[in-house]
Amino acid sequence: MSTASSAVAPHQSSHAGKYLTFFLANEEYGLKILTVHEIIGMMPVTRVPRTPDFIRGVLNLRGKVIPVVDLRIRFGMPVVETQDVCIIVVQVRGIQMGIVVDRVSEVVTVLADAIEPPPSFGFDVPTDFLLGIAKAQGRVKMLLDIDHVLTSTEIVQATEAVIDPSAASTAA
């Protein structure tokens, strides 16, 4: 084993495991399966005034109101509604929220030797929301660290939209 391979081994092994994969545009992403509560079809989402565009609003999920984030908008992609669009309900820093994705693919086991650390694009391009890049079946899957997809401030804005819609406007 080369020195370079040894240097990434701890990174690789710490992120190996089962991932729920999904698509945004034509790119495949993965979330650690333990962060996923459920997958639901698209439901009516109530927009909360003065929240960031990527916060679609809130929805009533069996009597519990949760914030919903559109990952396309969060990642700067154009919004395109497909017939397969759905919501993945996840746990983000102890808060349940929904994330809108184009379509869910499958649950896969990602082995340690198939994971590369996120590439560096320079100081101005953050990649801390990526756990790594998985290579499988000739495709690349971006493994997301759901706890870092949103900043702390953005999570506060999303939760305030649920607790008190007027508070969300003061956080903006």
N, C-alpha and C. Protein backbone atom coordinates (compact mmCIF):
# COMPACT_ATOMS: atom_id res chain seq x y z
N MET A 1 0.86 -1.19 0.00
CA MET A 1 0.00 0.00 0.00
C MET A 1 0.89 1.23 0.00
N SER A 2 0.58 2.19 -0.83
CA SER A 2 1.41 3.39 -0.91
C SER A 2 1.14 4.32 0.26
N THR A 3 2.03 5.27 0.44
CA THR A 3 1.87 6.24 1.52
C THR A 3 0.61 7.06 1.33
N ALA A 4 0.32 7.45 0.09
CA ALA A 4 -0.88 8.24 -0.17
C ALA A 4 -2.14 7.47 0.19
N SER A 5 -2.17 6.17 -0.12
CA SER A 5 -3.33 5.37 0.23
C SER A 5 -3.50 5.26 1.73
N SER A 6 -2.38 5.14 2.45
CA SER A 6 -2.45 5.05 3.90
C SER A 6 -3.00 6.33 4.50
N ALA A 7 -2.66 7.45 3.88
CA ALA A 7 -3.10 8.74 4.43
C ALA A 7 -4.61 8.92 4.35
N VAL A 8 -5.27 8.32 3.36
CA VAL A 8 -6.71 8.49 3.24
C VAL A 8 -7.49 7.34 3.87
N ALA A 9 -6.83 6.31 4.32
CA ALA A 9 -7.52 5.16 4.89
C ALA A 9 -8.45 5.53 6.05
N PRO A 10 -8.04 6.37 7.02
CA PRO A 10 -8.97 6.71 8.10
C PRO A 10 -10.21 7.44 7.57
N HIS A 11 -10.03 8.33 6.60
CA HIS A 11 -11.16 9.04 6.01
C HIS A 11 -12.11 8.04 5.35
N GLN A 12 -11.53 7.12 4.57
CA GLN A 12 -12.33 6.16 3.84
C GLN A 12 -13.13 5.28 4.79
N SER A 13 -12.45 4.70 5.77
CA SER A 13 -13.13 3.73 6.63
C SER A 13 -14.19 4.39 7.50
N SER A 14 -13.98 5.65 7.88
CA SER A 14 -14.97 6.31 8.75
C SER A 14 -16.27 6.61 8.01
N HIS A 15 -16.25 6.61 6.69
CA HIS A 15 -17.45 6.94 5.92
C HIS A 15 -18.03 5.74 5.17
N ALA A 16 -17.42 4.58 5.30
CA ALA A 16 -17.96 3.39 4.66
C ALA A 16 -19.28 3.03 5.33
N GLY A 17 -20.20 2.45 4.57
CA GLY A 17 -21.48 2.03 5.13
C GLY A 17 -22.60 2.12 4.12
N LYS A 18 -23.83 2.10 4.63
CA LYS A 18 -25.01 2.13 3.77
C LYS A 18 -25.46 3.57 3.54
N TYR A 19 -25.80 3.85 2.29
CA TYR A 19 -26.24 5.18 1.87
C TYR A 19 -27.52 5.07 1.05
N LEU A 20 -28.42 6.02 1.27
CA LEU A 20 -29.57 6.18 0.39
C LEU A 20 -29.10 7.10 -0.72
N THR A 21 -29.22 6.66 -1.96
CA THR A 21 -28.78 7.50 -3.07
C THR A 21 -29.99 8.14 -3.75
N PHE A 22 -29.76 9.33 -4.28
CA PHE A 22 -30.81 10.09 -4.95
C PHE A 22 -30.18 10.97 -6.00
N PHE A 23 -31.03 11.51 -6.86
CA PHE A 23 -30.56 12.36 -7.95
C PHE A 23 -31.03 13.79 -7.79
N LEU A 24 -30.15 14.71 -8.18
CA LEU A 24 -30.45 16.12 -8.41
C LEU A 24 -29.86 16.40 -9.78
N ALA A 25 -30.69 16.84 -10.71
CA ALA A 25 -30.28 16.95 -12.11
C ALA A 25 -29.83 15.55 -12.52
N ASN A 26 -28.69 15.41 -13.12
CA ASN A 26 -28.21 14.09 -13.51
C ASN A 26 -27.11 13.59 -12.60
N GLU A 27 -26.95 14.24 -11.46
CA GLU A 27 -25.89 13.87 -10.53
C GLU A 27 -26.46 13.03 -9.39
N GLU A 28 -25.68 12.03 -8.97
CA GLU A 28 -26.12 11.13 -7.91
C GLU A 28 -25.44 11.50 -6.59
N TYR A 29 -26.24 11.54 -5.55
CA TYR A 29 -25.79 11.89 -4.21
C TYR A 29 -26.14 10.75 -3.26
N GLY A 30 -25.49 10.75 -2.10
CA GLY A 30 -25.81 9.75 -1.10
C GLY A 30 -25.89 10.37 0.28
N LEU A 31 -26.81 9.84 1.10
CA LEU A 31 -26.95 10.24 2.50
C LEU A 31 -26.78 9.00 3.35
N LYS A 32 -26.06 9.12 4.45
CA LYS A 32 -25.95 7.97 5.36
C LYS A 32 -27.35 7.52 5.74
N ILE A 33 -27.60 6.25 5.61
CA ILE A 33 -28.95 5.73 5.82
C ILE A 33 -29.45 6.00 7.23
N LEU A 34 -28.55 6.11 8.20
CA LEU A 34 -28.97 6.34 9.58
C LEU A 34 -29.53 7.75 9.81
N THR A 35 -29.29 8.67 8.88
CA THR A 35 -29.86 10.03 9.00
C THR A 35 -31.25 10.13 8.38
N VAL A 36 -31.65 9.10 7.62
CA VAL A 36 -32.92 9.11 6.89
C VAL A 36 -34.03 8.50 7.74
N HIS A 37 -35.13 9.24 7.92
CA HIS A 37 -36.29 8.72 8.64
C HIS A 37 -37.26 8.04 7.71
N GLU A 38 -37.55 8.72 6.59
CA GLU A 38 -38.50 8.16 5.64
C GLU A 38 -38.43 8.93 4.33
N ILE A 39 -39.07 8.36 3.33
CA ILE A 39 -39.19 8.99 2.01
C ILE A 39 -40.67 9.14 1.74
N ILE A 40 -41.09 10.34 1.38
CA ILE A 40 -42.51 10.58 1.10
C ILE A 40 -42.65 11.25 -0.26
N GLY A 41 -43.79 11.07 -0.86
CA GLY A 41 -44.09 11.76 -2.10
C GLY A 41 -44.21 13.25 -1.84
N MET A 42 -44.15 14.02 -2.89
CA MET A 42 -44.29 15.47 -2.74
C MET A 42 -45.65 15.78 -2.14
N MET A 43 -45.64 16.65 -1.14
CA MET A 43 -46.86 17.06 -0.44
C MET A 43 -46.97 18.57 -0.53
N PRO A 44 -48.17 19.12 -0.25
CA PRO A 44 -48.29 20.57 -0.23
C PRO A 44 -47.37 21.17 0.83
N VAL A 45 -46.62 22.17 0.44
CA VAL A 45 -45.69 22.86 1.33
C VAL A 45 -46.17 24.30 1.46
N THR A 46 -46.28 24.77 2.69
CA THR A 46 -46.72 26.14 2.95
C THR A 46 -45.51 27.05 3.01
N ARG A 47 -45.43 28.00 2.12
CA ARG A 47 -44.31 28.94 2.06
C ARG A 47 -44.38 29.87 3.27
N VAL A 48 -43.25 30.10 3.89
CA VAL A 48 -43.16 31.01 5.02
C VAL A 48 -42.50 32.29 4.52
N PRO A 49 -43.18 33.43 4.65
CA PRO A 49 -42.62 34.69 4.14
C PRO A 49 -41.25 35.01 4.74
N ARG A 50 -40.43 35.64 3.93
CA ARG A 50 -39.13 36.19 4.32
C ARG A 50 -38.11 35.13 4.76
N THR A 51 -38.31 33.89 4.32
CA THR A 51 -37.28 32.87 4.54
C THR A 51 -36.46 32.79 3.26
N PRO A 52 -35.23 32.27 3.35
CA PRO A 52 -34.42 32.13 2.13
C PRO A 52 -35.13 31.27 1.08
N ASP A 53 -34.84 31.52 -0.19
CA ASP A 53 -35.49 30.80 -1.28
C ASP A 53 -35.37 29.29 -1.17
N PHE A 54 -34.24 28.78 -0.69
CA PHE A 54 -34.05 27.33 -0.64
C PHE A 54 -34.90 26.67 0.44
N ILE A 55 -35.47 27.46 1.37
CA ILE A 55 -36.41 26.91 2.34
C ILE A 55 -37.78 27.00 1.69
N ARG A 56 -38.27 25.87 1.20
CA ARG A 56 -39.55 25.86 0.48
C ARG A 56 -40.69 26.25 1.39
N GLY A 57 -40.56 25.96 2.67
CA GLY A 57 -41.61 26.26 3.62
C GLY A 57 -41.71 25.15 4.64
N VAL A 58 -42.94 24.88 5.07
CA VAL A 58 -43.18 23.85 6.07
C VAL A 58 -44.28 22.92 5.58
N LEU A 59 -44.29 21.70 6.10
CA LEU A 59 -45.37 20.78 5.80
C LEU A 59 -45.82 20.09 7.07
N ASN A 60 -47.04 19.62 7.02
CA ASN A 60 -47.63 18.91 8.14
C ASN A 60 -47.45 17.42 7.87
N LEU A 61 -46.56 16.79 8.62
CA LEU A 61 -46.28 15.37 8.46
C LEU A 61 -46.87 14.62 9.64
N ARG A 62 -48.07 14.08 9.42
CA ARG A 62 -48.79 13.35 10.47
C ARG A 62 -48.88 14.13 11.77
N GLY A 63 -49.24 15.40 11.66
CA GLY A 63 -49.45 16.24 12.84
C GLY A 63 -48.22 16.98 13.32
N LYS A 64 -47.07 16.72 12.73
CA LYS A 64 -45.84 17.42 13.11
C LYS A 64 -45.44 18.34 11.96
N VAL A 65 -45.21 19.61 12.25
CA VAL A 65 -44.81 20.57 11.23
C VAL A 65 -43.28 20.54 11.13
N ILE A 66 -42.78 20.31 9.91
CA ILE A 66 -41.33 20.27 9.69
C ILE A 66 -40.95 21.21 8.56
N PRO A 67 -39.73 21.80 8.64
CA PRO A 67 -39.27 22.65 7.53
C PRO A 67 -38.85 21.78 6.34
N VAL A 68 -38.97 22.35 5.14
CA VAL A 68 -38.61 21.64 3.92
C VAL A 68 -37.60 22.50 3.14
N VAL A 69 -36.48 21.90 2.79
CA VAL A 69 -35.41 22.56 2.07
C VAL A 69 -35.32 21.96 0.67
N ASP A 70 -35.19 22.80 -0.34
CA ASP A 70 -35.02 22.34 -1.72
C ASP A 70 -33.53 22.30 -2.01
N LEU A 71 -32.99 21.08 -2.16
CA LEU A 71 -31.54 20.96 -2.39
C LEU A 71 -31.09 21.53 -3.72
N ARG A 72 -31.96 21.50 -4.74
CA ARG A 72 -31.57 22.11 -6.01
C ARG A 72 -31.25 23.59 -5.81
N ILE A 73 -32.15 24.29 -5.12
CA ILE A 73 -31.93 25.72 -4.90
C ILE A 73 -30.73 25.93 -3.99
N ARG A 74 -30.60 25.12 -2.95
CA ARG A 74 -29.47 25.25 -2.01
C ARG A 74 -28.14 25.09 -2.73
N PHE A 75 -28.09 24.21 -3.72
CA PHE A 75 -26.85 23.96 -4.46
C PHE A 75 -26.72 24.83 -5.71
N GLY A 76 -27.63 25.81 -5.87
CA GLY A 76 -27.52 26.74 -7.00
C GLY A 76 -27.91 26.15 -8.33
N MET A 77 -28.75 25.13 -8.33
CA MET A 77 -29.21 24.50 -9.58
C MET A 77 -30.56 25.10 -9.97
N PRO A 78 -30.90 25.07 -11.26
CA PRO A 78 -32.23 25.54 -11.65
C PRO A 78 -33.31 24.60 -11.11
N VAL A 79 -34.46 25.17 -10.79
CA VAL A 79 -35.57 24.37 -10.27
C VAL A 79 -36.30 23.71 -11.43
N VAL A 80 -36.45 22.40 -11.34
CA VAL A 80 -37.17 21.63 -12.34
C VAL A 80 -38.00 20.61 -11.58
N GLU A 81 -39.31 20.67 -11.75
CA GLU A 81 -40.18 19.68 -11.10
C GLU A 81 -40.31 18.47 -12.02
N THR A 82 -40.05 17.30 -11.48
CA THR A 82 -40.21 16.07 -12.24
C THR A 82 -41.35 15.27 -11.60
N GLN A 83 -41.82 14.26 -12.30
CA GLN A 83 -42.90 13.45 -11.73
C GLN A 83 -42.40 12.60 -10.58
N ASP A 84 -41.10 12.39 -10.47
CA ASP A 84 -40.54 11.56 -9.41
C ASP A 84 -40.08 12.36 -8.19
N VAL A 85 -40.23 13.69 -8.23
CA VAL A 85 -39.76 14.53 -7.13
C VAL A 85 -40.37 14.03 -5.82
N CYS A 86 -39.54 14.00 -4.78
CA CYS A 86 -40.03 13.51 -3.49
C CYS A 86 -39.27 14.21 -2.37
N ILE A 87 -39.68 13.90 -1.16
CA ILE A 87 -39.07 14.50 0.02
C ILE A 87 -38.45 13.39 0.85
N ILE A 88 -37.19 13.58 1.20
CA ILE A 88 -36.52 12.67 2.12
C ILE A 88 -36.54 13.35 3.48
N VAL A 89 -37.12 12.70 4.46
CA VAL A 89 -37.18 13.25 5.81
C VAL A 89 -35.92 12.78 6.54
N VAL A 90 -35.13 13.77 6.99
CA VAL A 90 -33.84 13.48 7.62
C VAL A 90 -33.73 14.15 8.98
N GLN A 91 -32.74 13.74 9.71
CA GLN A 91 -32.40 14.36 10.99
C GLN A 91 -31.16 15.21 10.76
N VAL A 92 -31.27 16.52 10.99
CA VAL A 92 -30.16 17.46 10.79
C VAL A 92 -29.87 18.12 12.13
N ARG A 93 -28.74 17.80 12.71
CA ARG A 93 -28.34 18.37 14.01
C ARG A 93 -29.48 18.31 15.02
N GLY A 94 -30.13 17.16 15.09
CA GLY A 94 -31.19 16.95 16.06
C GLY A 94 -32.55 17.47 15.65
N ILE A 95 -32.67 18.02 14.44
CA ILE A 95 -33.93 18.60 13.97
C ILE A 95 -34.43 17.80 12.77
N GLN A 96 -35.69 17.42 12.79
CA GLN A 96 -36.26 16.70 11.67
C GLN A 96 -36.68 17.70 10.60
N MET A 97 -36.25 17.44 9.36
CA MET A 97 -36.65 18.30 8.25
C MET A 97 -36.71 17.49 6.98
N GLY A 98 -37.38 18.05 5.98
CA GLY A 98 -37.49 17.39 4.69
C GLY A 98 -36.56 18.04 3.68
N ILE A 99 -36.02 17.22 2.79
CA ILE A 99 -35.22 17.76 1.69
C ILE A 99 -35.85 17.28 0.38
N VAL A 100 -36.05 18.21 -0.52
CA VAL A 100 -36.66 17.91 -1.82
C VAL A 100 -35.57 17.46 -2.77
N VAL A 101 -35.78 16.30 -3.40
CA VAL A 101 -34.84 15.75 -4.38
C VAL A 101 -35.60 15.35 -5.64
N ASP A 102 -34.89 15.20 -6.74
CA ASP A 102 -35.54 14.84 -8.01
C ASP A 102 -36.12 13.44 -7.97
N ARG A 103 -35.33 12.50 -7.49
CA ARG A 103 -35.82 11.13 -7.35
C ARG A 103 -34.86 10.33 -6.49
N VAL A 104 -35.40 9.35 -5.80
CA VAL A 104 -34.59 8.46 -4.98
C VAL A 104 -34.15 7.30 -5.85
N SER A 105 -32.93 6.84 -5.65
CA SER A 105 -32.40 5.76 -6.46
C SER A 105 -32.45 4.42 -5.71
N GLU A 106 -31.55 4.22 -4.74
CA GLU A 106 -31.46 2.95 -4.05
C GLU A 106 -30.64 3.09 -2.78
N VAL A 107 -30.62 2.02 -1.99
CA VAL A 107 -29.73 1.95 -0.85
C VAL A 107 -28.53 1.12 -1.29
N VAL A 108 -27.35 1.68 -1.12
CA VAL A 108 -26.12 0.98 -1.52
C VAL A 108 -25.16 0.89 -0.35
N THR A 109 -24.33 -0.13 -0.39
CA THR A 109 -23.24 -0.25 0.58
C THR A 109 -22.00 0.30 -0.09
N VAL A 110 -21.39 1.29 0.52
CA VAL A 110 -20.19 1.90 -0.03
C VAL A 110 -19.01 1.40 0.80
N LEU A 111 -18.09 0.73 0.13
CA LEU A 111 -16.91 0.20 0.81
C LEU A 111 -15.85 1.28 0.97
N ALA A 112 -15.01 1.11 1.98
CA ALA A 112 -13.99 2.10 2.30
C ALA A 112 -13.07 2.39 1.12
N ASP A 113 -12.68 1.37 0.38
CA ASP A 113 -11.73 1.60 -0.71
C ASP A 113 -12.36 2.25 -1.94
N ALA A 114 -13.67 2.47 -1.92
CA ALA A 114 -14.36 3.15 -3.02
C ALA A 114 -14.59 4.63 -2.73
N ILE A 115 -14.10 5.11 -1.59
CA ILE A 115 -14.34 6.50 -1.19
C ILE A 115 -13.06 7.31 -1.28
N GLU A 116 -13.16 8.44 -1.95
CA GLU A 116 -12.05 9.39 -2.02
C GLU A 116 -12.44 10.62 -1.21
N PRO A 117 -11.47 11.32 -0.63
CA PRO A 117 -11.82 12.57 0.06
C PRO A 117 -12.33 13.60 -0.95
N PRO A 118 -13.14 14.56 -0.48
CA PRO A 118 -13.62 15.59 -1.41
C PRO A 118 -12.45 16.36 -2.02
N PRO A 119 -12.54 16.70 -3.30
CA PRO A 119 -11.46 17.46 -3.92
C PRO A 119 -11.41 18.88 -3.36
N SER A 120 -10.24 19.48 -3.47
CA SER A 120 -10.09 20.87 -3.06
C SER A 120 -10.19 21.74 -4.30
N PHE A 121 -11.09 22.71 -4.25
CA PHE A 121 -11.26 23.64 -5.36
C PHE A 121 -10.70 25.01 -5.02
N GLY A 122 -9.99 25.08 -3.92
CA GLY A 122 -9.43 26.34 -3.47
C GLY A 122 -10.16 26.85 -2.24
N PHE A 123 -9.61 27.88 -1.66
CA PHE A 123 -10.10 28.43 -0.39
C PHE A 123 -11.53 28.95 -0.48
N ASP A 124 -11.91 29.53 -1.63
CA ASP A 124 -13.22 30.17 -1.78
C ASP A 124 -14.36 29.20 -2.09
N VAL A 125 -14.05 27.92 -2.32
CA VAL A 125 -15.08 26.96 -2.68
C VAL A 125 -15.20 25.92 -1.57
N PRO A 126 -16.22 26.06 -0.72
CA PRO A 126 -16.37 25.13 0.40
C PRO A 126 -16.81 23.74 -0.06
N THR A 127 -16.23 22.71 0.53
CA THR A 127 -16.66 21.34 0.27
C THR A 127 -16.91 20.59 1.58
N ASP A 128 -17.06 21.36 2.68
CA ASP A 128 -17.25 20.72 3.98
C ASP A 128 -18.58 19.97 4.09
N PHE A 129 -19.50 20.17 3.15
CA PHE A 129 -20.76 19.45 3.16
C PHE A 129 -20.63 18.08 2.50
N LEU A 130 -19.44 17.75 1.97
CA LEU A 130 -19.19 16.46 1.35
C LEU A 130 -18.38 15.57 2.29
N LEU A 131 -18.89 14.36 2.55
CA LEU A 131 -18.11 13.38 3.30
C LEU A 131 -17.02 12.81 2.42
N GLY A 132 -17.33 12.64 1.16
CA GLY A 132 -16.38 12.07 0.22
C GLY A 132 -17.05 11.84 -1.12
N ILE A 133 -16.27 11.29 -2.04
CA ILE A 133 -16.75 10.94 -3.36
C ILE A 133 -16.62 9.43 -3.49
N ALA A 134 -17.74 8.77 -3.76
CA ALA A 134 -17.73 7.32 -3.89
C ALA A 134 -17.70 6.95 -5.37
N LYS A 135 -16.91 5.94 -5.68
CA LYS A 135 -16.84 5.43 -7.05
C LYS A 135 -17.45 4.04 -7.04
N ALA A 136 -18.51 3.85 -7.82
CA ALA A 136 -19.16 2.54 -7.90
C ALA A 136 -19.83 2.37 -9.25
N GLN A 137 -19.68 1.21 -9.84
CA GLN A 137 -20.33 0.86 -11.10
C GLN A 137 -20.07 1.90 -12.18
N GLY A 138 -18.86 2.43 -12.23
CA GLY A 138 -18.49 3.40 -13.24
C GLY A 138 -19.08 4.78 -13.05
N ARG A 139 -19.73 5.01 -11.92
CA ARG A 139 -20.35 6.31 -11.63
C ARG A 139 -19.71 6.92 -10.39
N VAL A 140 -19.91 8.21 -10.25
CA VAL A 140 -19.44 8.94 -9.07
C VAL A 140 -20.67 9.35 -8.27
N LYS A 141 -20.62 9.12 -6.97
CA LYS A 141 -21.70 9.53 -6.08
C LYS A 141 -21.11 10.48 -5.04
N MET A 142 -21.73 11.64 -4.90
CA MET A 142 -21.27 12.59 -3.90
C MET A 142 -21.95 12.27 -2.57
N LEU A 143 -21.14 11.93 -1.58
CA LEU A 143 -21.68 11.56 -0.28
C LEU A 143 -21.80 12.82 0.57
N LEU A 144 -23.05 13.17 0.93
CA LEU A 144 -23.31 14.41 1.65
C LEU A 144 -23.22 14.22 3.16
N ASP A 145 -22.68 15.22 3.80
CA ASP A 145 -22.74 15.32 5.26
C ASP A 145 -23.93 16.23 5.53
N ILE A 146 -25.09 15.64 5.78
CA ILE A 146 -26.33 16.41 5.88
C ILE A 146 -26.25 17.46 6.98
N ASP A 147 -25.43 17.22 8.00
CA ASP A 147 -25.29 18.21 9.07
C ASP A 147 -24.55 19.47 8.62
N HIS A 148 -23.90 19.42 7.46
CA HIS A 148 -23.17 20.59 6.97
C HIS A 148 -23.70 21.15 5.64
N VAL A 149 -24.79 20.58 5.13
CA VAL A 149 -25.39 21.11 3.91
C VAL A 149 -25.94 22.51 4.18
N LEU A 150 -26.49 22.71 5.37
CA LEU A 150 -26.97 24.02 5.79
C LEU A 150 -26.05 24.56 6.88
N THR A 151 -25.85 25.87 6.89
CA THR A 151 -25.07 26.48 7.97
C THR A 151 -25.93 26.53 9.23
N SER A 152 -25.30 26.80 10.35
CA SER A 152 -26.04 26.93 11.61
C SER A 152 -27.12 27.99 11.51
N THR A 153 -26.80 29.12 10.89
CA THR A 153 -27.77 30.21 10.73
C THR A 153 -28.95 29.75 9.89
N GLU A 154 -28.69 29.01 8.82
CA GLU A 154 -29.76 28.54 7.95
C GLU A 154 -30.66 27.53 8.67
N ILE A 155 -30.07 26.71 9.52
CA ILE A 155 -30.87 25.75 10.29
C ILE A 155 -31.76 26.50 11.27
N VAL A 156 -31.21 27.54 11.89
CA VAL A 156 -32.02 28.36 12.80
C VAL A 156 -33.18 28.99 12.04
N GLN A 157 -32.92 29.51 10.84
CA GLN A 157 -33.99 30.11 10.03
C GLN A 157 -35.06 29.09 9.70
N ALA A 158 -34.65 27.87 9.36
CA ALA A 158 -35.62 26.83 9.01
C ALA A 158 -36.46 26.44 10.22
N THR A 159 -35.83 26.30 11.37
CA THR A 159 -36.60 25.90 12.56
C THR A 159 -37.47 27.04 13.07
N GLU A 160 -37.01 28.28 12.94
CA GLU A 160 -37.84 29.41 13.35
C GLU A 160 -39.06 29.54 12.47
N ALA A 161 -38.95 29.13 11.21
CA ALA A 161 -40.10 29.16 10.31
C ALA A 161 -41.19 28.22 10.82
N VAL A 162 -40.78 27.14 11.49
CA VAL A 162 -41.75 26.18 12.04
C VAL A 162 -42.31 26.69 13.36
N ILE A 163 -41.43 27.18 14.22
CA ILE A 163 -41.83 27.60 15.57
C ILE A 163 -42.65 28.88 15.53
N ASP A 164 -42.13 29.88 14.81
CA ASP A 164 -42.79 31.19 14.78
C ASP A 164 -42.47 31.86 13.45
N PRO A 165 -43.38 31.81 12.49
CA PRO A 165 -43.10 32.40 11.17
C PRO A 165 -42.62 33.84 11.22
N SER A 166 -43.05 34.63 12.20
CA SER A 166 -42.60 36.02 12.26
C SER A 166 -41.14 36.11 12.72
N ALA A 167 -40.65 35.10 13.46
CA ALA A 167 -39.25 35.09 13.90
C ALA A 167 -38.31 34.84 12.73
N ALA A 168 -38.75 34.08 11.73
CA ALA A 168 -37.92 33.79 10.57
C ALA A 168 -37.55 35.08 9.85
N SER A 169 -38.43 36.06 9.87
CA SER A 169 -38.16 37.30 9.17
C SER A 169 -37.09 38.11 9.87
N THR A 170 -36.93 37.95 11.18
CA THR A 170 -35.90 38.70 11.89
C THR A 170 -34.54 38.06 11.73
N ALA A 171 -34.50 36.76 11.42
CA ALA A 171 -33.21 36.06 11.23
C ALA A 171 -32.65 36.33 9.85
N ALA A 172 -33.47 36.76 8.90
CA ALA A 172 -33.03 36.95 7.52
C ALA A 172 -32.16 38.17 7.38
